[in-house]
Amino acid sequence: MRSSLQKIHDASMVILQDVGIRFHHEEVLDLLRDHGVRVEGQTAFFSENQIMDRLAMAPAKFTLHARNPKHSIVIGGDRTHYAPGYGAVFVGQGNGTYRQALLRDYVNLGKLIQYSPYFRVNGGSLVQPSDIPHETAPPLLLYCTTLLSDKCLLAAAGGPTATEMVIDLLIILAGGRKTLHARPQVIVPINTLSPLQVDFNSLEMLMQYVRNGQPTMISPCVMAGTTGPVTLAGTIALANAEALAGIALA
């Protein structure tokens, strides 16, 4: 009798092989074709062997390097590391009201994360400041984090131009592209576009970070009953399929 985990795995394999996942990025589609993945239009169909062979290429563990070596962390195995929350638009106030987040809120939260003994990672979108341009927020937030903190870095998601700026900043911090590639210094979430799609910006981010040797977190955001099945098992199978496709691509 199959275990519940095996049933979810099998369902994810059926989704990837028979339904497929849409990649809104021509370079990605060409890359998949070149590696034997069946592509029809913008939809890629993965066999179980193709998925599992790529998963086997991922390292069992790796080191994320902080500017202060005592804050560097090994990711993998049974280790658990805490990173701050991500993407808050509003900030709660002492009187029970709330307001739109500002850059100064990001700075204050970054200071708290730096001095908290429970966090080994800082940055990302601690809040989404309303007083800076959204298009250039990722490099500005990363710059603020490097001024405030010497812990491992979490990057914020952004478009192609913002991602290029982040990579340039990381190269400067690392002392060169080769050093950055050899010593990963940032981890970034790559969100899928459920159900069963990944948009251009997310794929461009993935390609740029991977080319520069930085780890990525494939982060499905399936919502049961809206962007995914209403059942918990179906939602997990769908999210797992999206994550596996992103990991295989990376």
C-alpha atoms as a PDB file:
ATOM      1  CA  MET A   1       0.000   0.000   0.000  1.00  0.00           C
ATOM      2  CA  ARG A   2       1.409   3.380  -1.033  1.00  0.00           C
ATOM      3  CA  SER A   3       2.200   5.915   1.666  1.00  0.00           C
ATOM      4  CA  SER A   4       0.580   9.354   1.642  1.00  0.00           C
ATOM      5  CA  LEU A   5       3.901  10.914   0.635  1.00  0.00           C
ATOM      6  CA  GLN A   6       4.272   8.489  -2.262  1.00  0.00           C
ATOM      7  CA  LYS A   7       0.741   9.303  -3.441  1.00  0.00           C
ATOM      8  CA  ILE A   8       1.556  13.027  -3.443  1.00  0.00           C
ATOM      9  CA  HIS A   9       4.791  12.362  -5.328  1.00  0.00           C
ATOM     10  CA  ASP A  10       2.994  10.214  -7.902  1.00  0.00           C
ATOM     11  CA  ALA A  11       0.294  12.862  -8.373  1.00  0.00           C
ATOM     12  CA  SER A  12       2.966  15.530  -8.902  1.00  0.00           C
ATOM     13  CA  MET A  13       4.636  13.363 -11.527  1.00  0.00           C
ATOM     14  CA  VAL A  14       1.328  12.947 -13.380  1.00  0.00           C
ATOM     15  CA  ILE A  15       0.829  16.731 -13.313  1.00  0.00           C
ATOM     16  CA  LEU A  16       4.310  17.421 -14.694  1.00  0.00           C
ATOM     17  CA  GLN A  17       4.145  14.719 -17.365  1.00  0.00           C
ATOM     18  CA  ASP A  18       0.538  15.031 -18.577  1.00  0.00           C
ATOM     19  CA  VAL A  19      -0.519  18.618 -17.772  1.00  0.00           C
ATOM     20  CA  GLY A  20       2.841  20.378 -17.834  1.00  0.00           C
ATOM     21  CA  ILE A  21       3.893  23.781 -16.584  1.00  0.00           C
ATOM     22  CA  ARG A  22       4.062  27.025 -18.565  1.00  0.00           C
ATOM     23  CA  PHE A  23       7.317  28.968 -18.641  1.00  0.00           C
ATOM     24  CA  HIS A  24       6.899  32.529 -19.918  1.00  0.00           C
ATOM     25  CA  HIS A  25      10.519  32.878 -21.064  1.00  0.00           C
ATOM     26  CA  GLU A  26      11.836  31.856 -24.500  1.00  0.00           C
ATOM     27  CA  GLU A  27      15.411  31.280 -23.345  1.00  0.00           C
ATOM     28  CA  VAL A  28      14.171  28.924 -20.635  1.00  0.00           C
ATOM     29  CA  LEU A  29      12.047  27.018 -23.141  1.00  0.00           C
ATOM     30  CA  ASP A  30      15.039  26.658 -25.488  1.00  0.00           C
ATOM     31  CA  LEU A  31      17.168  25.434 -22.575  1.00  0.00           C
ATOM     32  CA  LEU A  32      14.583  22.802 -21.682  1.00  0.00           C
ATOM     33  CA  ARG A  33      14.312  21.626 -25.299  1.00  0.00           C
ATOM     34  CA  ASP A  34      18.099  21.332 -25.519  1.00  0.00           C
ATOM     35  CA  HIS A  35      18.016  19.012 -22.489  1.00  0.00           C
ATOM     36  CA  GLY A  36      15.359  16.705 -23.923  1.00  0.00           C
ATOM     37  CA  VAL A  37      12.278  18.120 -22.179  1.00  0.00           C
ATOM     38  CA  ARG A  38       9.157  18.043 -24.351  1.00  0.00           C
ATOM     39  CA  VAL A  39       7.924  21.574 -25.019  1.00  0.00           C
ATOM     40  CA  GLU A  40       4.653  22.500 -26.737  1.00  0.00           C
ATOM     41  CA  GLY A  41       4.145  26.227 -27.098  1.00  0.00           C
ATOM     42  CA  GLN A  42       5.098  27.627 -23.683  1.00  0.00           C
ATOM     43  CA  THR A  43       4.292  24.412 -21.812  1.00  0.00           C
ATOM     44  CA  ALA A  44       7.014  21.985 -20.742  1.00  0.00           C
ATOM     45  CA  PHE A  45       6.297  18.353 -19.887  1.00  0.00           C
ATOM     46  CA  PHE A  46       8.764  16.555 -17.603  1.00  0.00           C
ATOM     47  CA  SER A  47       9.130  12.806 -17.237  1.00  0.00           C
ATOM     48  CA  GLU A  48       9.796  11.434 -13.766  1.00  0.00           C
ATOM     49  CA  ASN A  49      13.316  10.437 -14.804  1.00  0.00           C
ATOM     50  CA  GLN A  50      14.057  13.966 -16.015  1.00  0.00           C
ATOM     51  CA  ILE A  51      12.900  15.418 -12.699  1.00  0.00           C
ATOM     52  CA  MET A  52      14.706  12.903 -10.505  1.00  0.00           C
ATOM     53  CA  ASP A  53      17.950  13.091 -12.504  1.00  0.00           C
ATOM     54  CA  ARG A  54      18.053  16.859 -12.033  1.00  0.00           C
ATOM     55  CA  LEU A  55      17.185  16.618  -8.345  1.00  0.00           C
ATOM     56  CA  ALA A  56      20.150  14.295  -7.888  1.00  0.00           C
ATOM     57  CA  MET A  57      22.431  17.101  -9.135  1.00  0.00           C
ATOM     58  CA  ALA A  58      21.509  19.382  -6.219  1.00  0.00           C
ATOM     59  CA  PRO A  59      24.051  19.361  -3.366  1.00  0.00           C
ATOM     60  CA  ALA A  60      22.950  17.779  -0.103  1.00  0.00           C
ATOM     61  CA  LYS A  61      24.257  20.842   1.720  1.00  0.00           C
ATOM     62  CA  PHE A  62      26.006  24.122   1.013  1.00  0.00           C
ATOM     63  CA  THR A  63      27.371  27.115   2.895  1.00  0.00           C
ATOM     64  CA  LEU A  64      25.789  30.551   2.684  1.00  0.00           C
ATOM     65  CA  HIS A  65      28.583  32.997   3.526  1.00  0.00           C
ATOM     66  CA  ALA A  66      28.010  36.076   5.677  1.00  0.00           C
ATOM     67  CA  ARG A  67      30.350  39.080   5.724  1.00  0.00           C
ATOM     68  CA  ASN A  68      31.037  38.126   9.318  1.00  0.00           C
ATOM     69  CA  PRO A  69      32.140  34.462   9.128  1.00  0.00           C
ATOM     70  CA  LYS A  70      30.610  33.673  12.530  1.00  0.00           C
ATOM     71  CA  HIS A  71      27.175  34.246  10.959  1.00  0.00           C
ATOM     72  CA  SER A  72      27.737  31.948   7.960  1.00  0.00           C
ATOM     73  CA  ILE A  73      25.322  29.019   7.847  1.00  0.00           C
ATOM     74  CA  VAL A  74      25.239  25.529   6.370  1.00  0.00           C
ATOM     75  CA  ILE A  75      21.943  24.776   4.651  1.00  0.00           C
ATOM     76  CA  GLY A  76      20.923  21.125   4.353  1.00  0.00           C
ATOM     77  CA  GLY A  77      20.348  18.053   6.461  1.00  0.00           C
ATOM     78  CA  ASP A  78      18.509  18.513   9.747  1.00  0.00           C
ATOM     79  CA  ARG A  79      19.582  22.132  10.216  1.00  0.00           C
ATOM     80  CA  THR A  80      16.999  24.867  10.761  1.00  0.00           C
ATOM     81  CA  HIS A  81      17.767  28.554  10.308  1.00  0.00           C
ATOM     82  CA  TYR A  82      15.372  31.437  10.830  1.00  0.00           C
ATOM     83  CA  ALA A  83      14.881  34.261   8.359  1.00  0.00           C
ATOM     84  CA  PRO A  84      12.595  37.284   8.835  1.00  0.00           C
ATOM     85  CA  GLY A  85       9.055  37.571   7.487  1.00  0.00           C
ATOM     86  CA  TYR A  86       8.572  38.745   3.932  1.00  0.00           C
ATOM     87  CA  GLY A  87       6.529  41.349   2.080  1.00  0.00           C
ATOM     88  CA  ALA A  88       4.496  43.197   4.721  1.00  0.00           C
ATOM     89  CA  VAL A  89       2.712  46.189   3.165  1.00  0.00           C
ATOM     90  CA  PHE A  90       1.421  47.695   6.419  1.00  0.00           C
ATOM     91  CA  VAL A  91       2.940  48.418   9.826  1.00  0.00           C
ATOM     92  CA  GLY A  92       0.897  48.067  13.014  1.00  0.00           C
ATOM     93  CA  GLN A  93       1.062  50.867  15.572  1.00  0.00           C
ATOM     94  CA  GLY A  94       0.730  50.922  19.350  1.00  0.00           C
ATOM     95  CA  ASN A  95      -2.804  52.373  19.261  1.00  0.00           C
ATOM     96  CA  GLY A  96      -4.128  49.470  17.204  1.00  0.00           C
ATOM     97  CA  THR A  97      -4.152  51.284  13.849  1.00  0.00           C
ATOM     98  CA  TYR A  98      -1.926  50.533  10.902  1.00  0.00           C
ATOM     99  CA  ARG A  99      -0.279  52.528   8.116  1.00  0.00           C
ATOM    100  CA  GLN A 100       1.662  51.907   4.926  1.00  0.00           C
ATOM    101  CA  ALA A 101       5.234  50.771   5.478  1.00  0.00           C
ATOM    102  CA  LEU A 102       8.111  53.189   4.889  1.00  0.00           C
ATOM    103  CA  LEU A 103      11.829  52.762   4.267  1.00  0.00           C
ATOM    104  CA  ARG A 104      12.568  53.819   7.845  1.00  0.00           C
ATOM    105  CA  ASP A 105      10.488  50.837   9.018  1.00  0.00           C
ATOM    106  CA  TYR A 106      12.682  48.548   6.924  1.00  0.00           C
ATOM    107  CA  VAL A 107      15.788  50.074   8.510  1.00  0.00           C
ATOM    108  CA  ASN A 108      14.427  49.678  12.054  1.00  0.00           C
ATOM    109  CA  LEU A 109      13.411  46.070  11.461  1.00  0.00           C
ATOM    110  CA  GLY A 110      16.806  45.315   9.901  1.00  0.00           C
ATOM    111  CA  LYS A 111      18.489  46.594  13.068  1.00  0.00           C
ATOM    112  CA  LEU A 112      16.285  44.360  15.220  1.00  0.00           C
ATOM    113  CA  ILE A 113      17.099  41.306  13.088  1.00  0.00           C
ATOM    114  CA  GLN A 114      20.827  42.097  13.286  1.00  0.00           C
ATOM    115  CA  TYR A 115      20.808  42.154  17.078  1.00  0.00           C
ATOM    116  CA  SER A 116      18.445  39.222  17.573  1.00  0.00           C
ATOM    117  CA  PRO A 117      20.322  36.011  18.459  1.00  0.00           C
ATOM    118  CA  TYR A 118      17.583  33.921  16.823  1.00  0.00           C
ATOM    119  CA  PHE A 119      18.156  35.090  13.230  1.00  0.00           C
ATOM    120  CA  ARG A 120      21.135  34.133  11.069  1.00  0.00           C
ATOM    121  CA  VAL A 121      19.644  35.706   7.920  1.00  0.00           C
ATOM    122  CA  ASN A 122      18.667  39.340   7.338  1.00  0.00           C
ATOM    123  CA  GLY A 123      17.033  41.274   4.503  1.00  0.00           C
ATOM    124  CA  GLY A 124      14.513  40.429   1.829  1.00  0.00           C
ATOM    125  CA  SER A 125      11.271  42.372   2.063  1.00  0.00           C
ATOM    126  CA  LEU A 126      11.042  42.965   5.798  1.00  0.00           C
ATOM    127  CA  VAL A 127       8.400  45.446   4.683  1.00  0.00           C
ATOM    128  CA  GLN A 128       7.507  46.775   1.233  1.00  0.00           C
ATOM    129  CA  PRO A 129       8.249  50.516   1.612  1.00  0.00           C
ATOM    130  CA  SER A 130       5.668  52.759  -0.045  1.00  0.00           C
ATOM    131  CA  ASP A 131       8.048  55.740  -0.283  1.00  0.00           C
ATOM    132  CA  ILE A 132      10.563  54.244  -2.743  1.00  0.00           C
ATOM    133  CA  PRO A 133      10.034  53.140  -6.381  1.00  0.00           C
ATOM    134  CA  HIS A 134       8.951  49.523  -6.600  1.00  0.00           C
ATOM    135  CA  GLU A 135      11.116  48.972  -9.697  1.00  0.00           C
ATOM    136  CA  THR A 136      14.383  49.729  -7.880  1.00  0.00           C
ATOM    137  CA  ALA A 137      13.425  48.550  -4.392  1.00  0.00           C
ATOM    138  CA  PRO A 138      15.401  45.244  -4.382  1.00  0.00           C
ATOM    139  CA  PRO A 139      18.899  46.764  -4.762  1.00  0.00           C
ATOM    140  CA  LEU A 140      18.081  49.632  -2.385  1.00  0.00           C
ATOM    141  CA  LEU A 141      16.798  47.235   0.281  1.00  0.00           C
ATOM    142  CA  LEU A 142      19.855  45.000  -0.112  1.00  0.00           C
ATOM    143  CA  TYR A 143      22.111  48.056   0.154  1.00  0.00           C
ATOM    144  CA  CYS A 144      20.362  49.085   3.382  1.00  0.00           C
ATOM    145  CA  THR A 145      20.737  45.565   4.760  1.00  0.00           C
ATOM    146  CA  THR A 146      24.471  45.476   4.082  1.00  0.00           C
ATOM    147  CA  LEU A 147      24.860  48.760   5.974  1.00  0.00           C
ATOM    148  CA  LEU A 148      22.870  47.454   8.940  1.00  0.00           C
ATOM    149  CA  SER A 149      23.903  43.837   9.159  1.00  0.00           C
ATOM    150  CA  ASP A 150      26.800  41.412   8.732  1.00  0.00           C
ATOM    151  CA  LYS A 151      24.588  38.307   8.683  1.00  0.00           C
ATOM    152  CA  CYS A 152      23.634  36.168   5.672  1.00  0.00           C
ATOM    153  CA  LEU A 153      21.548  37.987   3.095  1.00  0.00           C
ATOM    154  CA  LEU A 154      18.060  37.344   1.784  1.00  0.00           C
ATOM    155  CA  ALA A 155      17.303  39.215  -1.444  1.00  0.00           C
ATOM    156  CA  ALA A 156      13.976  40.729  -2.473  1.00  0.00           C
ATOM    157  CA  ALA A 157      12.304  39.699  -5.712  1.00  0.00           C
ATOM    158  CA  GLY A 158      12.274  42.152  -8.615  1.00  0.00           C
ATOM    159  CA  GLY A 159      12.329  42.618 -12.366  1.00  0.00           C
ATOM    160  CA  PRO A 160      15.314  42.051 -14.698  1.00  0.00           C
ATOM    161  CA  THR A 161      16.854  45.520 -14.243  1.00  0.00           C
ATOM    162  CA  ALA A 162      16.586  45.411 -10.448  1.00  0.00           C
ATOM    163  CA  THR A 163      18.044  41.904 -10.426  1.00  0.00           C
ATOM    164  CA  GLU A 164      21.028  43.039 -12.502  1.00  0.00           C
ATOM    165  CA  MET A 165      21.611  45.860 -10.012  1.00  0.00           C
ATOM    166  CA  VAL A 166      21.469  43.401  -7.098  1.00  0.00           C
ATOM    167  CA  ILE A 167      23.995  41.102  -8.792  1.00  0.00           C
ATOM    168  CA  ASP A 168      26.323  44.048  -9.464  1.00  0.00           C
ATOM    169  CA  LEU A 169      26.100  45.044  -5.794  1.00  0.00           C
ATOM    170  CA  LEU A 170      26.854  41.489  -4.691  1.00  0.00           C
ATOM    171  CA  ILE A 171      29.893  41.326  -6.994  1.00  0.00           C
ATOM    172  CA  ILE A 172      31.242  44.505  -5.400  1.00  0.00           C
ATOM    173  CA  LEU A 173      30.626  43.161  -1.884  1.00  0.00           C
ATOM    174  CA  ALA A 174      32.290  39.842  -2.726  1.00  0.00           C
ATOM    175  CA  GLY A 175      35.314  41.449  -4.385  1.00  0.00           C
ATOM    176  CA  GLY A 176      34.651  39.999  -7.823  1.00  0.00           C
ATOM    177  CA  ARG A 177      32.348  37.706  -9.810  1.00  0.00           C
ATOM    178  CA  LYS A 178      34.539  34.622  -9.355  1.00  0.00           C
ATOM    179  CA  THR A 179      34.581  35.049  -5.576  1.00  0.00           C
ATOM    180  CA  LEU A 180      30.812  35.545  -5.496  1.00  0.00           C
ATOM    181  CA  HIS A 181      30.303  32.375  -7.539  1.00  0.00           C
ATOM    182  CA  ALA A 182      32.610  30.368  -5.292  1.00  0.00           C
ATOM    183  CA  ARG A 183      31.191  31.750  -2.031  1.00  0.00           C
ATOM    184  CA  PRO A 184      27.393  32.220  -2.239  1.00  0.00           C
ATOM    185  CA  GLN A 185      26.330  35.269  -0.241  1.00  0.00           C
ATOM    186  CA  VAL A 186      22.613  35.633  -0.850  1.00  0.00           C
ATOM    187  CA  ILE A 187      19.543  33.459  -1.201  1.00  0.00           C
ATOM    188  CA  VAL A 188      16.434  34.603  -3.070  1.00  0.00           C
ATOM    189  CA  PRO A 189      12.843  33.330  -3.272  1.00  0.00           C
ATOM    190  CA  ILE A 190      11.546  32.538  -6.766  1.00  0.00           C
ATOM    191  CA  ASN A 191       7.738  32.521  -6.744  1.00  0.00           C
ATOM    192  CA  THR A 192       5.712  30.449  -9.153  1.00  0.00           C
ATOM    193  CA  LEU A 193       2.506  31.795 -10.683  1.00  0.00           C
ATOM    194  CA  SER A 194      -0.014  29.167  -9.640  1.00  0.00           C
ATOM    195  CA  PRO A 195      -1.570  27.206 -11.137  1.00  0.00           C
ATOM    196  CA  LEU A 196       1.307  25.691 -13.105  1.00  0.00           C
ATOM    197  CA  GLN A 197       3.030  28.783 -14.492  1.00  0.00           C
ATOM    198  CA  VAL A 198       6.204  30.767 -13.888  1.00  0.00           C
ATOM    199  CA  ASP A 199       6.299  34.344 -15.165  1.00  0.00           C
ATOM    200  CA  PHE A 200       9.103  36.100 -17.042  1.00  0.00           C
ATOM    201  CA  ASN A 201      10.419  38.144 -14.104  1.00  0.00           C
ATOM    202  CA  SER A 202      10.707  35.119 -11.814  1.00  0.00           C
ATOM    203  CA  LEU A 203      12.455  33.081 -14.498  1.00  0.00           C
ATOM    204  CA  GLU A 204      14.852  35.917 -15.342  1.00  0.00           C
ATOM    205  CA  MET A 205      15.711  36.190 -11.642  1.00  0.00           C
ATOM    206  CA  LEU A 206      16.327  32.461 -11.428  1.00  0.00           C
ATOM    207  CA  MET A 207      18.589  32.498 -14.490  1.00  0.00           C
ATOM    208  CA  GLN A 208      20.648  35.473 -13.284  1.00  0.00           C
ATOM    209  CA  TYR A 209      21.126  34.180  -9.752  1.00  0.00           C
ATOM    210  CA  VAL A 210      22.001  30.655 -10.886  1.00  0.00           C
ATOM    211  CA  ARG A 211      24.505  31.953 -13.453  1.00  0.00           C
ATOM    212  CA  ASN A 212      26.260  33.771 -10.615  1.00  0.00           C
ATOM    213  CA  GLY A 213      26.305  30.769  -8.282  1.00  0.00           C
ATOM    214  CA  GLN A 214      23.680  31.994  -5.814  1.00  0.00           C
ATOM    215  CA  PRO A 215      21.092  29.596  -4.336  1.00  0.00           C
ATOM    216  CA  THR A 216      17.399  30.055  -5.027  1.00  0.00           C
ATOM    217  CA  MET A 217      14.272  28.953  -3.141  1.00  0.00           C
ATOM    218  CA  ILE A 218      11.466  27.856  -5.450  1.00  0.00           C
ATOM    219  CA  SER A 219       8.397  29.086  -3.560  1.00  0.00           C
ATOM    220  CA  PRO A 220       4.954  28.050  -4.836  1.00  0.00           C
ATOM    221  CA  CYS A 221       2.125  30.173  -3.461  1.00  0.00           C
ATOM    222  CA  VAL A 222      -0.855  27.944  -4.209  1.00  0.00           C
ATOM    223  CA  MET A 223      -4.092  29.016  -2.498  1.00  0.00           C
ATOM    224  CA  ALA A 224      -6.503  26.141  -1.976  1.00  0.00           C
ATOM    225  CA  GLY A 225      -9.830  26.666  -3.743  1.00  0.00           C
ATOM    226  CA  THR A 226      -8.638  29.651  -5.804  1.00  0.00           C
ATOM    227  CA  THR A 227      -5.316  29.072  -7.574  1.00  0.00           C
ATOM    228  CA  GLY A 228      -5.274  25.384  -6.692  1.00  0.00           C
ATOM    229  CA  PRO A 229      -7.489  22.437  -5.758  1.00  0.00           C
ATOM    230  CA  VAL A 230      -9.793  22.828  -2.780  1.00  0.00           C
ATOM    231  CA  THR A 231      -8.395  19.702  -1.093  1.00  0.00           C
ATOM    232  CA  LEU A 232      -5.220  19.806   0.980  1.00  0.00           C
ATOM    233  CA  ALA A 233      -3.721  16.790  -0.825  1.00  0.00           C
ATOM    234  CA  GLY A 234      -4.397  18.338  -4.235  1.00  0.00           C
ATOM    235  CA  THR A 235      -2.915  21.673  -3.167  1.00  0.00           C
ATOM    236  CA  ILE A 236       0.244  19.967  -1.871  1.00  0.00           C
ATOM    237  CA  ALA A 237       0.601  17.899  -5.069  1.00  0.00           C
ATOM    238  CA  LEU A 238       0.263  21.018  -7.228  1.00  0.00           C
ATOM    239  CA  ALA A 239       2.723  23.052  -5.133  1.00  0.00           C
ATOM    240  CA  ASN A 240       5.168  20.140  -5.132  1.00  0.00           C
ATOM    241  CA  ALA A 241       4.960  19.857  -8.932  1.00  0.00           C
ATOM    242  CA  GLU A 242       5.711  23.570  -9.345  1.00  0.00           C
ATOM    243  CA  ALA A 243       8.628  23.387  -6.917  1.00  0.00           C
ATOM    244  CA  LEU A 244      10.109  20.308  -8.595  1.00  0.00           C
ATOM    245  CA  ALA A 245       9.925  21.922 -12.044  1.00  0.00           C
ATOM    246  CA  GLY A 246      11.695  25.037 -10.751  1.00  0.00           C
ATOM    247  CA  ILE A 247      14.397  23.005  -8.996  1.00  0.00           C
ATOM    248  CA  ALA A 248      14.972  20.921 -12.131  1.00  0.00           C
ATOM    249  CA  LEU A 249      15.340  24.086 -14.206  1.00  0.00           C
ATOM    250  CA  ALA A 250      17.795  25.617 -11.717  1.00  0.00           C
END
